Amino acid sequence: MKQQILAQVSAMGLGVGAILLSAGPLSAQSDNCAARDRVLERLSGTYGEVRQSIGLAANNQVVEVFASEDSGSWAITVTLPNGMMCLVAAGQNFERLDEGLTPAMLGDPV
């Protein structure tokens, strides 16, 4: 049961990330953006988060998930081609899953 719930939460998180990214390029003027080195310093220095995964999105934007396995904090970032890094989402209770998601694990849509 716990694994089913975690799988659903993971799928929802991926869905939210996809929706946010499909909204178009993030503005470097946003309060959630700064130079990549500054954001990385904050994620690692303040929250103890390290990169857990990476992918390439539209328009050469790099999407990364950072998390601390000690505190459970996590963040999803997008780095723009100009080097600005933007915080897309953040939260608590990060847990690594080493299993593939299947439709049966997600259950029926609500």
PDB file of N, CA and C in Angstrom:
ATOM      1  N   MET A   1       0.830  -1.187   0.000  1.00  0.00           N
ATOM      2  CA  MET A   1       0.000   0.000   0.000  1.00  0.00           C
ATOM      3  C   MET A   1       0.878   1.255   0.000  1.00  0.00           C
ATOM      4  N   LYS A   2       1.921   1.278   0.855  1.00  0.00           N
ATOM      5  CA  LYS A   2       2.805   2.439   0.919  1.00  0.00           C
ATOM      6  C   LYS A   2       3.486   2.664  -0.422  1.00  0.00           C
ATOM      7  N   GLN A   3       3.912   1.581  -1.071  1.00  0.00           N
ATOM      8  CA  GLN A   3       4.573   1.722  -2.369  1.00  0.00           C
ATOM      9  C   GLN A   3       3.610   2.274  -3.413  1.00  0.00           C
ATOM     10  N   GLN A   4       2.336   1.869  -3.343  1.00  0.00           N
ATOM     11  CA  GLN A   4       1.344   2.373  -4.272  1.00  0.00           C
ATOM     12  C   GLN A   4       1.151   3.876  -4.091  1.00  0.00           C
ATOM     13  N   ILE A   5       1.089   4.314  -2.858  1.00  0.00           N
ATOM     14  CA  ILE A   5       0.919   5.735  -2.568  1.00  0.00           C
ATOM     15  C   ILE A   5       2.140   6.507  -3.047  1.00  0.00           C
ATOM     16  N   LEU A   6       3.337   5.990  -2.762  1.00  0.00           N
ATOM     17  CA  LEU A   6       4.556   6.660  -3.203  1.00  0.00           C
ATOM     18  C   LEU A   6       4.621   6.737  -4.722  1.00  0.00           C
ATOM     19  N   ALA A   7       4.192   5.690  -5.379  1.00  0.00           N
ATOM     20  CA  ALA A   7       4.194   5.687  -6.838  1.00  0.00           C
ATOM     21  C   ALA A   7       3.237   6.747  -7.371  1.00  0.00           C
ATOM     22  N   GLN A   8       2.072   6.879  -6.737  1.00  0.00           N
ATOM     23  CA  GLN A   8       1.107   7.888  -7.170  1.00  0.00           C
ATOM     24  C   GLN A   8       1.652   9.291  -6.946  1.00  0.00           C
ATOM     25  N   VAL A   9       2.289   9.510  -5.801  1.00  0.00           N
ATOM     26  CA  VAL A   9       2.867  10.820  -5.511  1.00  0.00           C
ATOM     27  C   VAL A   9       3.975  11.138  -6.508  1.00  0.00           C
ATOM     28  N   SER A  10       4.816  10.151  -6.823  1.00  0.00           N
ATOM     29  CA  SER A  10       5.884  10.367  -7.797  1.00  0.00           C
ATOM     30  C   SER A  10       5.319  10.713  -9.159  1.00  0.00           C
ATOM     31  N   ALA A  11       4.297   9.995  -9.568  1.00  0.00           N
ATOM     32  CA  ALA A  11       3.682  10.265 -10.864  1.00  0.00           C
ATOM     33  C   ALA A  11       3.063  11.655 -10.895  1.00  0.00           C
ATOM     34  N   MET A  12       2.422  12.052  -9.804  1.00  0.00           N
ATOM     35  CA  MET A  12       1.838  13.391  -9.745  1.00  0.00           C
ATOM     36  C   MET A  12       2.927  14.449  -9.832  1.00  0.00           C
ATOM     37  N   GLY A  13       4.048  14.214  -9.139  1.00  0.00           N
ATOM     38  CA  GLY A  13       5.154  15.165  -9.183  1.00  0.00           C
ATOM     39  C   GLY A  13       5.706  15.313 -10.582  1.00  0.00           C
ATOM     40  N   LEU A  14       5.848  14.198 -11.284  1.00  0.00           N
ATOM     41  CA  LEU A  14       6.322  14.253 -12.663  1.00  0.00           C
ATOM     42  C   LEU A  14       5.326  14.980 -13.553  1.00  0.00           C
ATOM     43  N   GLY A  15       4.045  14.745 -13.306  1.00  0.00           N
ATOM     44  CA  GLY A  15       3.005  15.422 -14.075  1.00  0.00           C
ATOM     45  C   GLY A  15       3.026  16.923 -13.859  1.00  0.00           C
ATOM     46  N   VAL A  16       3.173  17.344 -12.616  1.00  0.00           N
ATOM     47  CA  VAL A  16       3.238  18.773 -12.303  1.00  0.00           C
ATOM     48  C   VAL A  16       4.460  19.392 -12.971  1.00  0.00           C
ATOM     49  N   GLY A  17       5.591  18.696 -12.899  1.00  0.00           N
ATOM     50  CA  GLY A  17       6.803  19.201 -13.545  1.00  0.00           C
ATOM     51  C   GLY A  17       6.608  19.354 -15.044  1.00  0.00           C
ATOM     52  N   ALA A  18       5.959  18.381 -15.668  1.00  0.00           N
ATOM     53  CA  ALA A  18       5.711  18.451 -17.112  1.00  0.00           C
ATOM     54  C   ALA A  18       4.795  19.617 -17.450  1.00  0.00           C
ATOM     55  N   ILE A  19       3.776  19.846 -16.635  1.00  0.00           N
ATOM     56  CA  ILE A  19       2.873  20.972 -16.865  1.00  0.00           C
ATOM     57  C   ILE A  19       3.623  22.285 -16.750  1.00  0.00           C
ATOM     58  N   LEU A  20       4.437  22.410 -15.710  1.00  0.00           N
ATOM     59  CA  LEU A  20       5.193  23.648 -15.520  1.00  0.00           C
ATOM     60  C   LEU A  20       6.147  23.891 -16.684  1.00  0.00           C
ATOM     61  N   LEU A  21       6.800  22.847 -17.154  1.00  0.00           N
ATOM     62  CA  LEU A  21       7.756  23.000 -18.247  1.00  0.00           C
ATOM     63  C   LEU A  21       7.059  23.282 -19.569  1.00  0.00           C
ATOM     64  N   SER A  22       5.851  22.748 -19.743  1.00  0.00           N
ATOM     65  CA  SER A  22       5.144  22.976 -20.997  1.00  0.00           C
ATOM     66  C   SER A  22       4.597  24.390 -21.085  1.00  0.00           C
ATOM     67  N   ALA A  23       4.621  25.122 -19.993  1.00  0.00           N
ATOM     68  CA  ALA A  23       4.136  26.501 -20.003  1.00  0.00           C
ATOM     69  C   ALA A  23       5.064  27.418 -20.769  1.00  0.00           C
ATOM     70  N   GLY A  24       6.227  26.937 -21.159  1.00  0.00           N
ATOM     71  CA  GLY A  24       7.163  27.738 -21.938  1.00  0.00           C
ATOM     72  C   GLY A  24       8.395  28.070 -21.135  1.00  0.00           C
ATOM     73  N   PRO A  25       9.350  28.743 -21.765  1.00  0.00           N
ATOM     74  CA  PRO A  25      10.593  29.077 -21.080  1.00  0.00           C
ATOM     75  C   PRO A  25      10.336  29.959 -19.865  1.00  0.00           C
ATOM     76  N   LEU A  26      11.047  29.689 -18.812  1.00  0.00           N
ATOM     77  CA  LEU A  26      10.917  30.488 -17.610  1.00  0.00           C
ATOM     78  C   LEU A  26      11.688  31.788 -17.768  1.00  0.00           C
ATOM     79  N   SER A  27      11.181  32.828 -17.217  1.00  0.00           N
ATOM     80  CA  SER A  27      11.837  34.123 -17.313  1.00  0.00           C
ATOM     81  C   SER A  27      12.986  34.208 -16.331  1.00  0.00           C
ATOM     82  N   ALA A  28      14.127  34.666 -16.796  1.00  0.00           N
ATOM     83  CA  ALA A  28      15.285  34.831 -15.917  1.00  0.00           C
ATOM     84  C   ALA A  28      15.072  35.981 -14.947  1.00  0.00           C
ATOM     85  N   GLN A  29      14.031  36.767 -15.158  1.00  0.00           N
ATOM     86  CA  GLN A  29      13.744  37.884 -14.269  1.00  0.00           C
ATOM     87  C   GLN A  29      12.940  37.443 -13.055  1.00  0.00           C
ATOM     88  N   SER A  30      12.511  36.218 -13.026  1.00  0.00           N
ATOM     89  CA  SER A  30      11.678  35.712 -11.940  1.00  0.00           C
ATOM     90  C   SER A  30      12.429  35.717 -10.618  1.00  0.00           C
ATOM     91  N   ASP A  31      11.674  35.838  -9.530  1.00  0.00           N
ATOM     92  CA  ASP A  31      12.268  35.771  -8.198  1.00  0.00           C
ATOM     93  C   ASP A  31      12.833  34.387  -7.906  1.00  0.00           C
ATOM     94  N   ASN A  32      12.447  33.396  -8.675  1.00  0.00           N
ATOM     95  CA  ASN A  32      12.883  32.023  -8.447  1.00  0.00           C
ATOM     96  C   ASN A  32      14.114  31.651  -9.269  1.00  0.00           C
ATOM     97  N   CYS A  33      14.751  32.622  -9.912  1.00  0.00           N
ATOM     98  CA  CYS A  33      15.901  32.353 -10.762  1.00  0.00           C
ATOM     99  C   CYS A  33      17.130  33.122 -10.288  1.00  0.00           C
ATOM    100  N   ALA A  34      18.294  32.517 -10.489  1.00  0.00           N
ATOM    101  CA  ALA A  34      19.573  33.167 -10.175  1.00  0.00           C
ATOM    102  C   ALA A  34      20.656  32.455 -10.971  1.00  0.00           C
ATOM    103  N   ALA A  35      21.868  32.968 -10.885  1.00  0.00           N
ATOM    104  CA  ALA A  35      22.991  32.311 -11.541  1.00  0.00           C
ATOM    105  C   ALA A  35      23.122  30.876 -11.012  1.00  0.00           C
ATOM    106  N   ARG A  36      23.424  29.946 -11.899  1.00  0.00           N
ATOM    107  CA  ARG A  36      23.468  28.527 -11.544  1.00  0.00           C
ATOM    108  C   ARG A  36      24.356  28.255 -10.332  1.00  0.00           C
ATOM    109  N   ASP A  37      25.546  28.842 -10.279  1.00  0.00           N
ATOM    110  CA  ASP A  37      26.452  28.562  -9.167  1.00  0.00           C
ATOM    111  C   ASP A  37      25.861  29.017  -7.828  1.00  0.00           C
ATOM    112  N   ARG A  38      25.119  30.109  -7.838  1.00  0.00           N
ATOM    113  CA  ARG A  38      24.489  30.591  -6.598  1.00  0.00           C
ATOM    114  C   ARG A  38      23.388  29.639  -6.130  1.00  0.00           C
ATOM    115  N   VAL A  39      22.592  29.145  -7.071  1.00  0.00           N
ATOM    116  CA  VAL A  39      21.508  28.219  -6.714  1.00  0.00           C
ATOM    117  C   VAL A  39      22.086  26.908  -6.198  1.00  0.00           C
ATOM    118  N   LEU A  40      23.108  26.394  -6.890  1.00  0.00           N
ATOM    119  CA  LEU A  40      23.737  25.142  -6.439  1.00  0.00           C
ATOM    120  C   LEU A  40      24.327  25.290  -5.038  1.00  0.00           C
ATOM    121  N   GLU A  41      24.947  26.434  -4.787  1.00  0.00           N
ATOM    122  CA  GLU A  41      25.515  26.684  -3.462  1.00  0.00           C
ATOM    123  C   GLU A  41      24.426  26.693  -2.395  1.00  0.00           C
ATOM    124  N   ARG A  42      23.310  27.296  -2.708  1.00  0.00           N
ATOM    125  CA  ARG A  42      22.195  27.356  -1.753  1.00  0.00           C
ATOM    126  C   ARG A  42      21.599  25.967  -1.514  1.00  0.00           C
ATOM    127  N   LEU A  43      21.388  25.217  -2.590  1.00  0.00           N
ATOM    128  CA  LEU A  43      20.808  23.877  -2.446  1.00  0.00           C
ATOM    129  C   LEU A  43      21.698  22.961  -1.619  1.00  0.00           C
ATOM    130  N   SER A  44      22.997  22.994  -1.892  1.00  0.00           N
ATOM    131  CA  SER A  44      23.901  22.098  -1.163  1.00  0.00           C
ATOM    132  C   SER A  44      24.262  22.651   0.209  1.00  0.00           C
ATOM    133  N   GLY A  45      24.579  23.934   0.285  1.00  0.00           N
ATOM    134  CA  GLY A  45      25.023  24.517   1.551  1.00  0.00           C
ATOM    135  C   GLY A  45      23.928  24.663   2.589  1.00  0.00           C
ATOM    136  N   THR A  46      22.765  25.119   2.167  1.00  0.00           N
ATOM    137  CA  THR A  46      21.664  25.371   3.106  1.00  0.00           C
ATOM    138  C   THR A  46      20.827  24.125   3.356  1.00  0.00           C
ATOM    139  N   TYR A  47      20.570  23.361   2.300  1.00  0.00           N
ATOM    140  CA  TYR A  47      19.641  22.237   2.415  1.00  0.00           C
ATOM    141  C   TYR A  47      20.304  20.867   2.328  1.00  0.00           C
ATOM    142  N   GLY A  48      21.588  20.811   2.000  1.00  0.00           N
ATOM    143  CA  GLY A  48      22.279  19.528   1.888  1.00  0.00           C
ATOM    144  C   GLY A  48      21.790  18.699   0.715  1.00  0.00           C
ATOM    145  N   GLU A  49      21.221  19.356  -0.292  1.00  0.00           N
ATOM    146  CA  GLU A  49      20.679  18.638  -1.437  1.00  0.00           C
ATOM    147  C   GLU A  49      21.744  18.427  -2.510  1.00  0.00           C
ATOM    148  N   VAL A  50      21.735  17.254  -3.103  1.00  0.00           N
ATOM    149  CA  VAL A  50      22.631  16.916  -4.205  1.00  0.00           C
ATOM    150  C   VAL A  50      21.788  16.426  -5.380  1.00  0.00           C
ATOM    151  N   ARG A  51      22.357  16.498  -6.573  1.00  0.00           N
ATOM    152  CA  ARG A  51      21.606  16.100  -7.760  1.00  0.00           C
ATOM    153  C   ARG A  51      21.281  14.606  -7.723  1.00  0.00           C
ATOM    154  N   GLN A  52      20.023  14.303  -7.989  1.00  0.00           N
ATOM    155  CA  GLN A  52      19.541  12.927  -8.024  1.00  0.00           C
ATOM    156  C   GLN A  52      19.249  12.464  -9.447  1.00  0.00           C
ATOM    157  N   SER A  53      18.843  13.406 -10.306  1.00  0.00           N
ATOM    158  CA  SER A  53      18.565  13.050 -11.701  1.00  0.00           C
ATOM    159  C   SER A  53      18.663  14.291 -12.575  1.00  0.00           C
ATOM    160  N   ILE A  54      18.759  14.048 -13.893  1.00  0.00           N
ATOM    161  CA  ILE A  54      18.935  15.136 -14.851  1.00  0.00           C
ATOM    162  C   ILE A  54      18.280  14.738 -16.165  1.00  0.00           C
ATOM    163  N   GLY A  55      17.778  15.722 -16.912  1.00  0.00           N
ATOM    164  CA  GLY A  55      17.189  15.468 -18.218  1.00  0.00           C
ATOM    165  C   GLY A  55      17.190  16.737 -19.049  1.00  0.00           C
ATOM    166  N   LEU A  56      17.024  16.587 -20.343  1.00  0.00           N
ATOM    167  CA  LEU A  56      16.996  17.718 -21.253  1.00  0.00           C
ATOM    168  C   LEU A  56      15.560  17.958 -21.692  1.00  0.00           C
ATOM    169  N   ALA A  57      15.088  19.179 -21.496  1.00  0.00           N
ATOM    170  CA  ALA A  57      13.719  19.554 -21.873  1.00  0.00           C
ATOM    171  C   ALA A  57      13.762  20.387 -23.152  1.00  0.00           C
ATOM    172  N   ALA A  58      12.614  20.901 -23.526  1.00  0.00           N
ATOM    173  CA  ALA A  58      12.501  21.730 -24.723  1.00  0.00           C
ATOM    174  C   ALA A  58      13.412  22.950 -24.627  1.00  0.00           C
ATOM    175  N   ASN A  59      13.794  23.466 -25.768  1.00  0.00           N
ATOM    176  CA  ASN A  59      14.606  24.683 -25.862  1.00  0.00           C
ATOM    177  C   ASN A  59      15.933  24.582 -25.125  1.00  0.00           C
ATOM    178  N   ASN A  60      16.498  23.369 -25.067  1.00  0.00           N
ATOM    179  CA  ASN A  60      17.796  23.137 -24.422  1.00  0.00           C
ATOM    180  C   ASN A  60      17.812  23.523 -22.949  1.00  0.00           C
ATOM    181  N   GLN A  61      16.697  23.369 -22.279  1.00  0.00           N
ATOM    182  CA  GLN A  61      16.634  23.605 -20.845  1.00  0.00           C
ATOM    183  C   GLN A  61      16.986  22.301 -20.129  1.00  0.00           C
ATOM    184  N   VAL A  62      17.824  22.398 -19.095  1.00  0.00           N
ATOM    185  CA  VAL A  62      18.235  21.225 -18.337  1.00  0.00           C
ATOM    186  C   VAL A  62      17.386  21.150 -17.077  1.00  0.00           C
ATOM    187  N   VAL A  63      16.699  20.024 -16.892  1.00  0.00           N
ATOM    188  CA  VAL A  63      15.848  19.807 -15.723  1.00  0.00           C
ATOM    189  C   VAL A  63      16.589  18.884 -14.773  1.00  0.00           C
ATOM    190  N   GLU A  64      16.662  19.280 -13.487  1.00  0.00           N
ATOM    191  CA  GLU A  64      17.370  18.473 -12.497  1.00  0.00           C
ATOM    192  C   GLU A  64      16.536  18.346 -11.231  1.00  0.00           C
ATOM    193  N   VAL A  65      16.687  17.207 -10.585  1.00  0.00           N
ATOM    194  CA  VAL A  65      16.074  16.990  -9.277  1.00  0.00           C
ATOM    195  C   VAL A  65      17.206  16.891  -8.263  1.00  0.00           C
ATOM    196  N   PHE A  66      17.123  17.714  -7.222  1.00  0.00           N
ATOM    197  CA  PHE A  66      18.082  17.705  -6.128  1.00  0.00           C
ATOM    198  C   PHE A  66      17.349  17.254  -4.880  1.00  0.00           C
ATOM    199  N   ALA A  67      18.029  16.524  -4.005  1.00  0.00           N
ATOM    200  CA  ALA A  67      17.379  16.092  -2.767  1.00  0.00           C
ATOM    201  C   ALA A  67      18.425  15.768  -1.714  1.00  0.00           C
ATOM    202  N   SER A  68      17.982  15.843  -0.482  1.00  0.00           N
ATOM    203  CA  SER A  68      18.790  15.417   0.653  1.00  0.00           C
ATOM    204  C   SER A  68      18.154  14.163   1.227  1.00  0.00           C
ATOM    205  N   GLU A  69      18.890  13.074   1.195  1.00  0.00           N
ATOM    206  CA  GLU A  69      18.352  11.842   1.768  1.00  0.00           C
ATOM    207  C   GLU A  69      18.336  11.902   3.285  1.00  0.00           C
ATOM    208  N   ASP A  70      19.108  12.828   3.877  1.00  0.00           N
ATOM    209  CA  ASP A  70      19.104  12.985   5.335  1.00  0.00           C
ATOM    210  C   ASP A  70      17.862  13.717   5.822  1.00  0.00           C
ATOM    211  N   SER A  71      17.574  14.885   5.220  1.00  0.00           N
ATOM    212  CA  SER A  71      16.437  15.687   5.694  1.00  0.00           C
ATOM    213  C   SER A  71      15.153  15.400   4.929  1.00  0.00           C
ATOM    214  N   GLY A  72      15.265  14.846   3.717  1.00  0.00           N
ATOM    215  CA  GLY A  72      14.085  14.584   2.903  1.00  0.00           C
ATOM    216  C   GLY A  72      13.651  15.761   2.055  1.00  0.00           C
ATOM    217  N   SER A  73      14.374  16.890   2.125  1.00  0.00           N
ATOM    218  CA  SER A  73      14.005  18.033   1.288  1.00  0.00           C
ATOM    219  C   SER A  73      14.398  17.754  -0.156  1.00  0.00           C
ATOM    220  N   TRP A  74      13.652  18.365  -1.101  1.00  0.00           N
ATOM    221  CA  TRP A  74      13.947  18.175  -2.514  1.00  0.00           C
ATOM    222  C   TRP A  74      13.606  19.436  -3.288  1.00  0.00           C
ATOM    223  N   ALA A  75      14.188  19.563  -4.481  1.00  0.00           N
ATOM    224  CA  ALA A  75      13.918  20.688  -5.364  1.00  0.00           C
ATOM    225  C   ALA A  75      14.041  20.237  -6.811  1.00  0.00           C
ATOM    226  N   ILE A  76      13.185  20.800  -7.650  1.00  0.00           N
ATOM    227  CA  ILE A  76      13.278  20.591  -9.091  1.00  0.00           C
ATOM    228  C   ILE A  76      13.684  21.930  -9.693  1.00  0.00           C
ATOM    229  N   THR A  77      14.731  21.903 -10.517  1.00  0.00           N
ATOM    230  CA  THR A  77      15.230  23.137 -11.129  1.00  0.00           C
ATOM    231  C   THR A  77      15.259  23.001 -12.648  1.00  0.00           C
ATOM    232  N   VAL A  78      15.279  24.158 -13.301  1.00  0.00           N
ATOM    233  CA  VAL A  78      15.468  24.227 -14.751  1.00  0.00           C
ATOM    234  C   VAL A  78      16.595  25.217 -14.989  1.00  0.00           C
ATOM    235  N   THR A  79      17.616  24.789 -15.734  1.00  0.00           N
ATOM    236  CA  THR A  79      18.690  25.694 -16.114  1.00  0.00           C
ATOM    237  C   THR A  79      18.480  26.098 -17.565  1.00  0.00           C
ATOM    238  N   LEU A  80      18.435  27.402 -17.780  1.00  0.00           N
ATOM    239  CA  LEU A  80      18.213  27.955 -19.112  1.00  0.00           C
ATOM    240  C   LEU A  80      19.525  28.020 -19.885  1.00  0.00           C
ATOM    241  N   PRO A  81      19.465  28.094 -21.205  1.00  0.00           N
ATOM    242  CA  PRO A  81      20.687  28.161 -21.998  1.00  0.00           C
ATOM    243  C   PRO A  81      21.604  29.331 -21.625  1.00  0.00           C
ATOM    244  N   ASN A  82      21.047  30.392 -21.039  1.00  0.00           N
ATOM    245  CA  ASN A  82      21.875  31.546 -20.663  1.00  0.00           C
ATOM    246  C   ASN A  82      22.570  31.354 -19.313  1.00  0.00           C
ATOM    247  N   GLY A  83      22.393  30.177 -18.677  1.00  0.00           N
ATOM    248  CA  GLY A  83      23.074  29.887 -17.423  1.00  0.00           C
ATOM    249  C   GLY A  83      22.275  30.200 -16.172  1.00  0.00           C
ATOM    250  N   MET A  84      21.104  30.815 -16.331  1.00  0.00           N
ATOM    251  CA  MET A  84      20.257  31.075 -15.170  1.00  0.00           C
ATOM    252  C   MET A  84      19.567  29.779 -14.766  1.00  0.00           C
ATOM    253  N   MET A  85      19.469  29.561 -13.458  1.00  0.00           N
ATOM    254  CA  MET A  85      18.815  28.372 -12.930  1.00  0.00           C
ATOM    255  C   MET A  85      17.570  28.820 -12.170  1.00  0.00           C
ATOM    256  N   CYS A  86      16.451  28.172 -12.448  1.00  0.00           N
ATOM    257  CA  CYS A  86      15.176  28.541 -11.847  1.00  0.00           C
ATOM    258  C   CYS A  86      14.619  27.390 -11.019  1.00  0.00           C
ATOM    259  N   LEU A  87      14.104  27.723  -9.850  1.00  0.00           N
ATOM    260  CA  LEU A  87      13.452  26.751  -8.982  1.00  0.00           C
ATOM    261  C   LEU A  87      12.018  26.577  -9.475  1.00  0.00           C
ATOM    262  N   VAL A  88      11.654  25.337  -9.814  1.00  0.00           N
ATOM    263  CA  VAL A  88      10.327  25.042 -10.339  1.00  0.00           C
ATOM    264  C   VAL A  88       9.411  24.537  -9.230  1.00  0.00           C
ATOM    265  N   ALA A  89       9.952  23.699  -8.347  1.00  0.00           N
ATOM    266  CA  ALA A  89       9.163  23.141  -7.253  1.00  0.00           C
ATOM    267  C   ALA A  89      10.110  22.687  -6.155  1.00  0.00           C
ATOM    268  N   ALA A  90       9.590  22.601  -4.933  1.00  0.00           N
ATOM    269  CA  ALA A  90      10.385  22.127  -3.798  1.00  0.00           C
ATOM    270  C   ALA A  90       9.441  21.523  -2.771  1.00  0.00           C
ATOM    271  N   GLY A  91       9.980  20.661  -1.926  1.00  0.00           N
ATOM    272  CA  GLY A  91       9.133  20.040  -0.918  1.00  0.00           C
ATOM    273  C   GLY A  91       9.923  19.194   0.055  1.00  0.00           C
ATOM    274  N   GLN A  92       9.206  18.337   0.748  1.00  0.00           N
ATOM    275  CA  GLN A  92       9.765  17.475   1.781  1.00  0.00           C
ATOM    276  C   GLN A  92       9.429  16.018   1.488  1.00  0.00           C
ATOM    277  N   ASN A  93      10.004  15.140   2.284  1.00  0.00           N
ATOM    278  CA  ASN A  93       9.728  13.700   2.253  1.00  0.00           C
ATOM    279  C   ASN A  93      10.196  13.014   0.975  1.00  0.00           C
ATOM    280  N   PHE A  94      11.365  13.427   0.481  1.00  0.00           N
ATOM    281  CA  PHE A  94      11.952  12.759  -0.673  1.00  0.00           C
ATOM    282  C   PHE A  94      12.259  11.313  -0.319  1.00  0.00           C
ATOM    283  N   GLU A  95      11.962  10.427  -1.233  1.00  0.00           N
ATOM    284  CA  GLU A  95      12.293   9.015  -1.069  1.00  0.00           C
ATOM    285  C   GLU A  95      12.675   8.457  -2.426  1.00  0.00           C
ATOM    286  N   ARG A  96      13.802   7.784  -2.486  1.00  0.00           N
ATOM    287  CA  ARG A  96      14.278   7.195  -3.730  1.00  0.00           C
ATOM    288  C   ARG A  96      13.494   5.915  -4.012  1.00  0.00           C
ATOM    289  N   LEU A  97      13.034   5.809  -5.255  1.00  0.00           N
ATOM    290  CA  LEU A  97      12.350   4.604  -5.708  1.00  0.00           C
ATOM    291  C   LEU A  97      13.180   4.006  -6.835  1.00  0.00           C
ATOM    292  N   ASP A  98      13.488   2.739  -6.731  1.00  0.00           N
ATOM    293  CA  ASP A  98      14.275   2.072  -7.752  1.00  0.00           C
ATOM    294  C   ASP A  98      13.419   1.131  -8.590  1.00  0.00           C
ATOM    295  N   GLU A  99      12.156   1.480  -8.714  1.00  0.00           N
ATOM    296  CA  GLU A  99      11.253   0.642  -9.485  1.00  0.00           C
ATOM    297  C   GLU A  99      10.641   1.454 -10.611  1.00  0.00           C
ATOM    298  N   GLY A 100      10.287   0.768 -11.673  1.00  0.00           N
ATOM    299  CA  GLY A 100       9.617   1.453 -12.775  1.00  0.00           C
ATOM    300  C   GLY A 100       8.132   1.567 -12.484  1.00  0.00           C
ATOM    301  N   LEU A 101       7.532   2.666 -12.881  1.00  0.00           N
ATOM    302  CA  LEU A 101       6.100   2.839 -12.701  1.00  0.00           C
ATOM    303  C   LEU A 101       5.365   2.156 -13.841  1.00  0.00           C
ATOM    304  N   THR A 102       4.295   1.489 -13.509  1.00  0.00           N
ATOM    305  CA  THR A 102       3.438   0.873 -14.508  1.00  0.00           C
ATOM    306  C   THR A 102       2.025   1.386 -14.279  1.00  0.00           C
ATOM    307  N   PRO A 103       1.160   1.333 -15.287  1.00  0.00           N
ATOM    308  CA  PRO A 103      -0.207   1.797 -15.094  1.00  0.00           C
ATOM    309  C   PRO A 103      -0.909   1.080 -13.931  1.00  0.00           C
ATOM    310  N   ALA A 104      -0.618  -0.193 -13.727  1.00  0.00           N
ATOM    311  CA  ALA A 104      -1.248  -0.931 -12.634  1.00  0.00           C
ATOM    312  C   ALA A 104      -0.848  -0.374 -11.269  1.00  0.00           C
ATOM    313  N   MET A 105       0.383   0.134 -11.161  1.00  0.00           N
ATOM    314  CA  MET A 105       0.853   0.695  -9.884  1.00  0.00           C
ATOM    315  C   MET A 105       0.181   2.029  -9.590  1.00  0.00           C
ATOM    316  N   LEU A 106      -0.220   2.747 -10.636  1.00  0.00           N
ATOM    317  CA  LEU A 106      -0.815   4.071 -10.451  1.00  0.00           C
ATOM    318  C   LEU A 106      -2.281   3.992 -10.045  1.00  0.00           C
ATOM    319  N   GLY A 107      -2.940   2.870 -10.331  1.00  0.00           N
ATOM    320  CA  GLY A 107      -4.346   2.736  -9.978  1.00  0.00           C
ATOM    321  C   GLY A 107      -5.239   3.440 -10.974  1.00  0.00           C
ATOM    322  N   ASP A 108      -6.516   3.467 -10.673  1.00  0.00           N
ATOM    323  CA  ASP A 108      -7.487   4.098 -11.548  1.00  0.00           C
ATOM    324  C   ASP A 108      -7.405   5.623 -11.428  1.00  0.00           C
ATOM    325  N   PRO A 109      -7.583   6.328 -12.538  1.00  0.00           N
ATOM    326  CA  PRO A 109      -7.597   7.796 -12.451  1.00  0.00           C
ATOM    327  C   PRO A 109      -8.772   8.264 -11.613  1.00  0.00           C
ATOM    328  N   VAL A 110      -8.564   9.360 -10.915  1.00  0.00           N
ATOM    329  CA  VAL A 110      -9.623   9.880 -10.049  1.00  0.00           C
ATOM    330  C   VAL A 110     -10.495  10.815 -10.826  1.00  0.00           C
TER     331      VAL A 110
END
